[in-house]
Every structure is written in structure tokens, then in C-alpha cells.
N, C-alpha and C. Protein backbone atom coordinates (compact mmCIF):
# COMPACT_ATOMS: atom_id res chain seq x y z
N MET A 1 22.04 -8.53 -5.91
CA MET A 1 22.05 -9.37 -7.08
C MET A 1 21.72 -8.49 -8.27
N VAL A 2 22.27 -8.82 -9.40
CA VAL A 2 21.99 -8.10 -10.64
C VAL A 2 20.99 -8.92 -11.44
N GLY A 3 19.95 -8.26 -11.91
CA GLY A 3 18.94 -8.91 -12.74
C GLY A 3 18.70 -8.08 -13.98
N GLY A 4 17.60 -8.34 -14.63
CA GLY A 4 17.30 -7.63 -15.86
C GLY A 4 18.12 -8.17 -17.00
N ASP A 5 18.47 -7.29 -17.92
CA ASP A 5 19.31 -7.70 -19.05
C ASP A 5 20.41 -6.67 -19.26
N ALA A 6 21.24 -6.89 -20.26
CA ALA A 6 22.39 -6.02 -20.49
C ALA A 6 21.96 -4.59 -20.82
N ASP A 7 20.80 -4.42 -21.45
CA ASP A 7 20.33 -3.07 -21.79
C ASP A 7 19.71 -2.35 -20.60
N ASP A 8 19.04 -3.09 -19.74
CA ASP A 8 18.37 -2.51 -18.57
C ASP A 8 18.67 -3.34 -17.32
N PRO A 9 19.91 -3.27 -16.81
CA PRO A 9 20.24 -4.05 -15.62
C PRO A 9 19.50 -3.52 -14.38
N LEU A 10 19.12 -4.44 -13.52
CA LEU A 10 18.42 -4.10 -12.28
C LEU A 10 19.26 -4.51 -11.08
N LEU A 11 19.20 -3.70 -10.04
CA LEU A 11 19.78 -4.07 -8.76
C LEU A 11 18.65 -4.65 -7.93
N ILE A 12 18.83 -5.86 -7.45
CA ILE A 12 17.84 -6.53 -6.61
C ILE A 12 18.49 -6.78 -5.26
N VAL A 13 17.92 -6.18 -4.22
CA VAL A 13 18.47 -6.29 -2.87
C VAL A 13 17.43 -6.98 -1.99
N GLU A 14 17.86 -7.99 -1.26
CA GLU A 14 16.99 -8.71 -0.34
C GLU A 14 17.70 -8.81 1.00
N ALA A 15 16.94 -8.68 2.08
CA ALA A 15 17.53 -8.77 3.42
C ALA A 15 16.59 -9.49 4.36
N ASP A 16 17.16 -10.28 5.23
CA ASP A 16 16.45 -10.93 6.33
C ASP A 16 16.95 -10.29 7.61
N GLY A 17 16.07 -10.12 8.57
CA GLY A 17 16.48 -9.54 9.84
C GLY A 17 15.60 -10.03 10.96
N LEU A 18 15.78 -9.44 12.12
CA LEU A 18 15.00 -9.79 13.30
C LEU A 18 14.39 -8.52 13.87
N ALA A 19 13.08 -8.52 14.04
CA ALA A 19 12.40 -7.41 14.71
C ALA A 19 12.41 -7.71 16.21
N PRO A 20 12.47 -6.67 17.05
CA PRO A 20 12.56 -6.90 18.50
C PRO A 20 11.31 -7.52 19.11
N THR A 21 10.17 -7.39 18.41
CA THR A 21 8.92 -7.99 18.87
C THR A 21 8.15 -8.47 17.65
N ALA A 22 7.10 -9.21 17.88
CA ALA A 22 6.21 -9.61 16.78
C ALA A 22 5.37 -8.40 16.38
N GLY A 23 4.76 -8.46 15.21
CA GLY A 23 3.79 -7.45 14.81
C GLY A 23 4.30 -6.28 14.01
N TRP A 24 5.57 -6.27 13.64
CA TRP A 24 6.08 -5.18 12.82
C TRP A 24 5.47 -5.29 11.43
N THR A 25 5.11 -4.17 10.83
CA THR A 25 4.51 -4.16 9.50
C THR A 25 5.29 -3.24 8.57
N HIS A 26 5.01 -3.36 7.30
CA HIS A 26 5.64 -2.53 6.26
C HIS A 26 7.16 -2.52 6.39
N VAL A 27 7.74 -3.68 6.65
CA VAL A 27 9.20 -3.79 6.73
C VAL A 27 9.74 -3.63 5.32
N ARG A 28 10.71 -2.76 5.16
CA ARG A 28 11.20 -2.43 3.82
C ARG A 28 12.63 -1.94 3.86
N LEU A 29 13.23 -1.89 2.69
CA LEU A 29 14.55 -1.30 2.52
C LEU A 29 14.36 0.08 1.90
N GLU A 30 14.87 1.11 2.57
CA GLU A 30 14.79 2.47 2.05
C GLU A 30 16.18 2.90 1.60
N PRO A 31 16.34 3.17 0.30
CA PRO A 31 17.66 3.57 -0.20
C PRO A 31 17.99 5.00 0.21
N HIS A 32 19.27 5.24 0.51
CA HIS A 32 19.73 6.60 0.72
C HIS A 32 19.74 7.29 -0.64
N VAL A 33 19.41 8.55 -0.65
CA VAL A 33 19.39 9.32 -1.90
C VAL A 33 20.64 10.20 -1.91
N TYR A 34 21.38 10.12 -3.00
CA TYR A 34 22.63 10.85 -3.13
C TYR A 34 22.51 11.94 -4.19
N ILE A 35 23.06 13.11 -3.90
CA ILE A 35 23.14 14.17 -4.90
C ILE A 35 24.26 13.85 -5.87
N THR A 36 25.38 13.39 -5.33
CA THR A 36 26.48 12.88 -6.15
C THR A 36 26.77 11.47 -5.68
N PRO A 37 27.23 10.60 -6.55
CA PRO A 37 27.52 9.22 -6.14
C PRO A 37 28.54 9.19 -5.00
N PRO A 38 28.38 8.26 -4.06
CA PRO A 38 29.33 8.17 -2.95
C PRO A 38 30.71 7.75 -3.45
N ASP A 39 31.75 8.25 -2.79
CA ASP A 39 33.13 7.94 -3.18
C ASP A 39 33.44 6.45 -3.11
N ASP A 40 32.81 5.74 -2.17
CA ASP A 40 33.11 4.31 -2.02
C ASP A 40 32.32 3.43 -2.98
N GLY A 41 31.39 4.01 -3.75
CA GLY A 41 30.61 3.23 -4.72
C GLY A 41 29.59 2.30 -4.11
N VAL A 42 29.24 2.55 -2.84
CA VAL A 42 28.31 1.67 -2.14
C VAL A 42 26.98 2.39 -1.91
N GLN A 43 25.89 1.74 -2.32
CA GLN A 43 24.54 2.26 -2.10
C GLN A 43 24.08 1.81 -0.72
N ASP A 44 23.73 2.76 0.13
CA ASP A 44 23.25 2.45 1.47
C ASP A 44 21.73 2.31 1.49
N PHE A 45 21.26 1.38 2.32
CA PHE A 45 19.83 1.15 2.54
C PHE A 45 19.60 1.06 4.04
N ASP A 46 18.44 1.53 4.49
CA ASP A 46 18.02 1.33 5.87
C ASP A 46 16.93 0.27 5.89
N LEU A 47 17.07 -0.70 6.79
CA LEU A 47 16.03 -1.71 7.02
C LEU A 47 15.11 -1.13 8.08
N VAL A 48 13.90 -0.74 7.68
CA VAL A 48 12.97 -0.07 8.58
C VAL A 48 11.61 -0.74 8.54
N GLY A 49 10.80 -0.42 9.53
CA GLY A 49 9.45 -0.93 9.58
C GLY A 49 8.62 -0.12 10.55
N ASP A 50 7.33 -0.40 10.56
CA ASP A 50 6.41 0.27 11.47
C ASP A 50 6.17 -0.61 12.68
N ARG A 51 6.41 -0.04 13.86
CA ARG A 51 6.27 -0.83 15.08
C ARG A 51 4.82 -1.22 15.32
N PRO A 52 4.59 -2.28 16.10
CA PRO A 52 3.21 -2.71 16.37
C PRO A 52 2.41 -1.60 17.05
N ALA A 53 1.14 -1.49 16.70
CA ALA A 53 0.28 -0.46 17.28
C ALA A 53 -0.05 -0.75 18.74
N GLY A 54 -0.22 -2.01 19.07
CA GLY A 54 -0.56 -2.39 20.44
C GLY A 54 0.54 -3.22 21.05
N SER A 55 0.18 -3.98 22.06
CA SER A 55 1.16 -4.85 22.69
C SER A 55 1.50 -6.00 21.74
N ALA A 56 2.71 -6.48 21.86
CA ALA A 56 3.18 -7.56 20.99
C ALA A 56 4.05 -8.51 21.80
N ALA A 57 4.15 -9.74 21.32
CA ALA A 57 4.99 -10.74 21.99
C ALA A 57 6.42 -10.22 22.08
N ASP A 58 6.98 -10.30 23.28
CA ASP A 58 8.33 -9.80 23.51
C ASP A 58 9.36 -10.86 23.14
N ALA A 59 9.44 -11.14 21.86
CA ALA A 59 10.39 -12.13 21.34
C ALA A 59 10.82 -11.70 19.95
N LEU A 60 12.05 -12.01 19.62
CA LEU A 60 12.53 -11.66 18.28
C LEU A 60 11.68 -12.33 17.22
N ALA A 61 11.36 -11.58 16.17
CA ALA A 61 10.52 -12.10 15.09
C ALA A 61 11.24 -11.90 13.76
N PRO A 62 11.34 -12.94 12.95
CA PRO A 62 12.02 -12.79 11.65
C PRO A 62 11.22 -11.89 10.71
N VAL A 63 11.94 -11.07 9.96
CA VAL A 63 11.34 -10.20 8.94
C VAL A 63 12.21 -10.26 7.70
N GLU A 64 11.62 -9.89 6.59
CA GLU A 64 12.39 -9.80 5.35
C GLU A 64 11.89 -8.62 4.55
N ALA A 65 12.78 -8.09 3.72
CA ALA A 65 12.45 -6.93 2.90
C ALA A 65 13.24 -7.02 1.60
N GLY A 66 12.76 -6.32 0.61
CA GLY A 66 13.45 -6.30 -0.67
C GLY A 66 13.30 -4.96 -1.36
N TRP A 67 14.17 -4.71 -2.30
CA TRP A 67 14.14 -3.48 -3.10
C TRP A 67 14.66 -3.83 -4.48
N GLU A 68 14.07 -3.22 -5.49
CA GLU A 68 14.51 -3.43 -6.87
C GLU A 68 14.49 -2.09 -7.59
N GLY A 69 15.55 -1.80 -8.31
CA GLY A 69 15.63 -0.56 -9.07
C GLY A 69 16.76 -0.62 -10.07
N PRO A 70 16.92 0.45 -10.84
CA PRO A 70 17.97 0.46 -11.86
C PRO A 70 19.36 0.33 -11.23
N LEU A 71 20.23 -0.34 -11.94
CA LEU A 71 21.61 -0.52 -11.49
C LEU A 71 22.42 0.69 -11.93
N ALA A 72 22.87 1.49 -10.98
CA ALA A 72 23.67 2.68 -11.29
C ALA A 72 25.05 2.25 -11.80
N ASP A 73 25.58 3.00 -12.76
CA ASP A 73 26.87 2.62 -13.33
C ASP A 73 28.03 2.79 -12.35
N TRP A 74 27.86 3.56 -11.28
CA TRP A 74 28.92 3.77 -10.30
C TRP A 74 28.90 2.72 -9.18
N LEU A 75 27.86 1.93 -9.10
CA LEU A 75 27.64 1.05 -7.96
C LEU A 75 28.57 -0.17 -7.97
N ILE A 76 29.23 -0.40 -6.83
CA ILE A 76 30.06 -1.60 -6.69
C ILE A 76 29.59 -2.48 -5.53
N GLY A 77 28.69 -1.95 -4.69
CA GLY A 77 28.21 -2.73 -3.57
C GLY A 77 27.02 -2.09 -2.89
N VAL A 78 26.43 -2.81 -1.94
CA VAL A 78 25.32 -2.29 -1.15
C VAL A 78 25.64 -2.48 0.33
N ARG A 79 25.07 -1.59 1.14
CA ARG A 79 25.25 -1.66 2.59
C ARG A 79 23.87 -1.49 3.20
N ILE A 80 23.48 -2.46 4.04
CA ILE A 80 22.17 -2.41 4.69
C ILE A 80 22.38 -2.13 6.17
N HIS A 81 21.74 -1.05 6.63
CA HIS A 81 21.84 -0.63 8.03
C HIS A 81 20.58 -1.07 8.77
N ALA A 82 20.76 -1.75 9.89
CA ALA A 82 19.66 -2.10 10.79
C ALA A 82 19.91 -1.39 12.11
N ALA A 83 19.04 -1.56 13.08
CA ALA A 83 19.18 -0.86 14.36
C ALA A 83 20.47 -1.24 15.08
N ASP A 84 20.89 -2.51 14.99
CA ASP A 84 22.03 -2.98 15.76
C ASP A 84 23.29 -3.26 14.96
N ASN A 85 23.18 -3.31 13.64
CA ASN A 85 24.36 -3.64 12.84
C ASN A 85 24.15 -3.24 11.39
N MET A 86 25.10 -3.61 10.58
CA MET A 86 24.97 -3.40 9.14
C MET A 86 25.72 -4.50 8.41
N VAL A 87 25.29 -4.73 7.17
CA VAL A 87 25.91 -5.74 6.32
C VAL A 87 26.27 -5.07 5.01
N GLU A 88 27.46 -5.37 4.52
CA GLU A 88 27.91 -4.82 3.24
C GLU A 88 28.22 -5.97 2.30
N GLU A 89 27.77 -5.85 1.07
CA GLU A 89 28.00 -6.88 0.06
C GLU A 89 28.44 -6.23 -1.24
N GLU A 90 29.38 -6.86 -1.89
CA GLU A 90 29.81 -6.44 -3.22
C GLU A 90 28.77 -6.90 -4.24
N VAL A 91 28.51 -6.07 -5.22
CA VAL A 91 27.57 -6.43 -6.28
C VAL A 91 28.36 -7.13 -7.38
N ILE A 92 27.86 -8.27 -7.80
CA ILE A 92 28.50 -9.02 -8.86
C ILE A 92 28.02 -8.46 -10.19
N GLU A 93 28.96 -8.04 -11.01
CA GLU A 93 28.59 -7.53 -12.32
C GLU A 93 28.49 -8.68 -13.31
N PHE A 94 27.57 -8.55 -14.25
CA PHE A 94 27.44 -9.58 -15.26
C PHE A 94 28.37 -9.28 -16.42
N ASP A 95 28.72 -10.33 -17.14
CA ASP A 95 29.58 -10.14 -18.30
C ASP A 95 28.74 -10.09 -19.57
N ASP A 96 29.38 -10.06 -20.72
CA ASP A 96 28.68 -9.95 -21.99
C ASP A 96 27.76 -11.13 -22.26
N ASP A 97 28.03 -12.28 -21.65
CA ASP A 97 27.23 -13.47 -21.88
C ASP A 97 26.07 -13.59 -20.90
N PHE A 98 25.82 -12.54 -20.11
CA PHE A 98 24.78 -12.57 -19.09
C PHE A 98 23.41 -12.84 -19.70
N ASP A 99 22.68 -13.74 -19.08
CA ASP A 99 21.26 -13.91 -19.37
C ASP A 99 20.60 -14.50 -18.13
N ASP A 100 19.30 -14.47 -18.07
CA ASP A 100 18.58 -14.92 -16.88
C ASP A 100 18.79 -16.39 -16.58
N GLU A 101 18.96 -17.24 -17.60
CA GLU A 101 19.15 -18.66 -17.34
C GLU A 101 20.47 -18.92 -16.63
N ASP A 102 21.54 -18.25 -17.05
CA ASP A 102 22.83 -18.43 -16.38
C ASP A 102 22.76 -17.93 -14.95
N ASP A 103 22.08 -16.81 -14.73
CA ASP A 103 21.99 -16.20 -13.42
C ASP A 103 21.23 -17.08 -12.44
N ALA A 104 20.21 -17.77 -12.89
CA ALA A 104 19.40 -18.60 -12.00
C ALA A 104 20.22 -19.69 -11.33
N ASP A 105 21.21 -20.23 -12.04
CA ASP A 105 22.03 -21.29 -11.47
C ASP A 105 23.00 -20.76 -10.42
N ASP A 106 23.32 -19.47 -10.46
CA ASP A 106 24.33 -18.90 -9.59
C ASP A 106 23.76 -18.15 -8.39
N ASP A 107 22.45 -18.09 -8.23
CA ASP A 107 21.84 -17.28 -7.19
C ASP A 107 22.39 -17.59 -5.80
N ASP A 108 22.60 -18.86 -5.48
CA ASP A 108 23.05 -19.22 -4.15
C ASP A 108 24.48 -18.78 -3.87
N ASP A 109 25.26 -18.50 -4.92
CA ASP A 109 26.65 -18.12 -4.73
C ASP A 109 26.80 -16.70 -4.18
N TYR A 110 25.90 -15.79 -4.56
CA TYR A 110 26.12 -14.41 -4.16
C TYR A 110 24.84 -13.60 -3.97
N ALA A 111 23.71 -14.24 -3.89
CA ALA A 111 22.45 -13.50 -3.88
C ALA A 111 22.35 -12.52 -2.71
N ARG A 112 22.71 -12.94 -1.49
CA ARG A 112 22.60 -12.02 -0.38
C ARG A 112 23.27 -12.59 0.85
N ASP A 113 23.58 -11.72 1.74
CA ASP A 113 24.06 -12.08 3.06
C ASP A 113 23.04 -11.48 4.02
N PRO A 114 22.28 -12.26 4.75
CA PRO A 114 21.19 -11.73 5.56
C PRO A 114 21.66 -10.68 6.56
N ALA A 115 20.90 -9.63 6.67
CA ALA A 115 21.16 -8.59 7.67
C ALA A 115 20.47 -9.04 8.95
N GLU A 116 21.18 -9.79 9.75
CA GLU A 116 20.58 -10.35 10.96
C GLU A 116 20.61 -9.34 12.10
N GLY A 117 20.14 -8.15 11.84
CA GLY A 117 20.04 -7.12 12.86
C GLY A 117 18.58 -6.87 13.18
N HIS A 118 18.35 -5.89 13.99
CA HIS A 118 16.99 -5.54 14.35
C HIS A 118 16.47 -4.47 13.42
N VAL A 119 15.19 -4.54 13.16
CA VAL A 119 14.53 -3.56 12.31
C VAL A 119 14.47 -2.23 13.04
N ARG A 120 14.72 -1.15 12.31
CA ARG A 120 14.57 0.18 12.89
C ARG A 120 13.12 0.60 12.79
N ASP A 121 12.67 1.33 13.79
CA ASP A 121 11.35 1.93 13.71
C ASP A 121 11.41 3.00 12.63
N ASN A 122 10.39 3.08 11.82
CA ASN A 122 10.34 4.05 10.74
C ASN A 122 10.57 5.46 11.27
N GLU A 123 10.11 5.76 12.48
CA GLU A 123 10.29 7.09 13.05
C GLU A 123 11.74 7.36 13.43
N ASP A 124 12.54 6.32 13.64
CA ASP A 124 13.94 6.48 14.04
C ASP A 124 14.87 6.63 12.85
N ALA A 125 14.41 6.30 11.65
CA ALA A 125 15.29 6.29 10.47
C ALA A 125 15.61 7.68 10.00
């Protein structure tokens, strides 16, 4: 999702996923760092977390993570990688009439597509 204003646009990325067990902590989106912008215009993120220190319930547990940062001028989409899958979404650009009030009404149209994969262990990323 695009937030901020026309002078300082922000990229806001949110993802929902499933951890393989309960007890995962520090679940987050880690952006890939590029020396040059990728040819496909897509910013990659890894959905990672810290595995439980002790034993944990052996059942899938819902997790969520988010990231916010400046909107790069080359960016046309985001791709979130989880342990079992990935989700790619196009970023909706705002027009000259963009403001926060207009954006609030449209959030459900394009805010995110949940990454219903498993969280990667931070050590595996």
C-alpha cells in the first residue's frame, strides 16, 4: 500500500502467515537490499522470525508482520517470500489528487494479499 503524501510517499507492506508451531517471536519482513534496482521493479521481502526457545505446541499458529519505508521511484510491486511459498502484489500508485482521506476508503481494494506460508527461521534466511 502507498501512504504518506505526494512529497514523501511511503511503501507500507503487511503480511499474514502461519508459523509451523506456536511461540515464534520477532516475526518481521526483511527487505532485500539491492545495489542496483531489480530489472522487474519488484522489491523482495523475507517473512522471518525467531523460533521458540523451548518446546511449543505442534500446530500452525497465525503470525503477522509489517514494514514501512520510503517508496522507491523504480518500484512497481512487492514479493514476500515465506518458507513454503511467496506472494507478489503490484503496488498501486497514487495520482495527483492523492490524500489520506481518499486512501482510507480504498484500503480493502488493494491493501494486501496475505502470505499464507510458513515463517522462515531467522537463521535460515
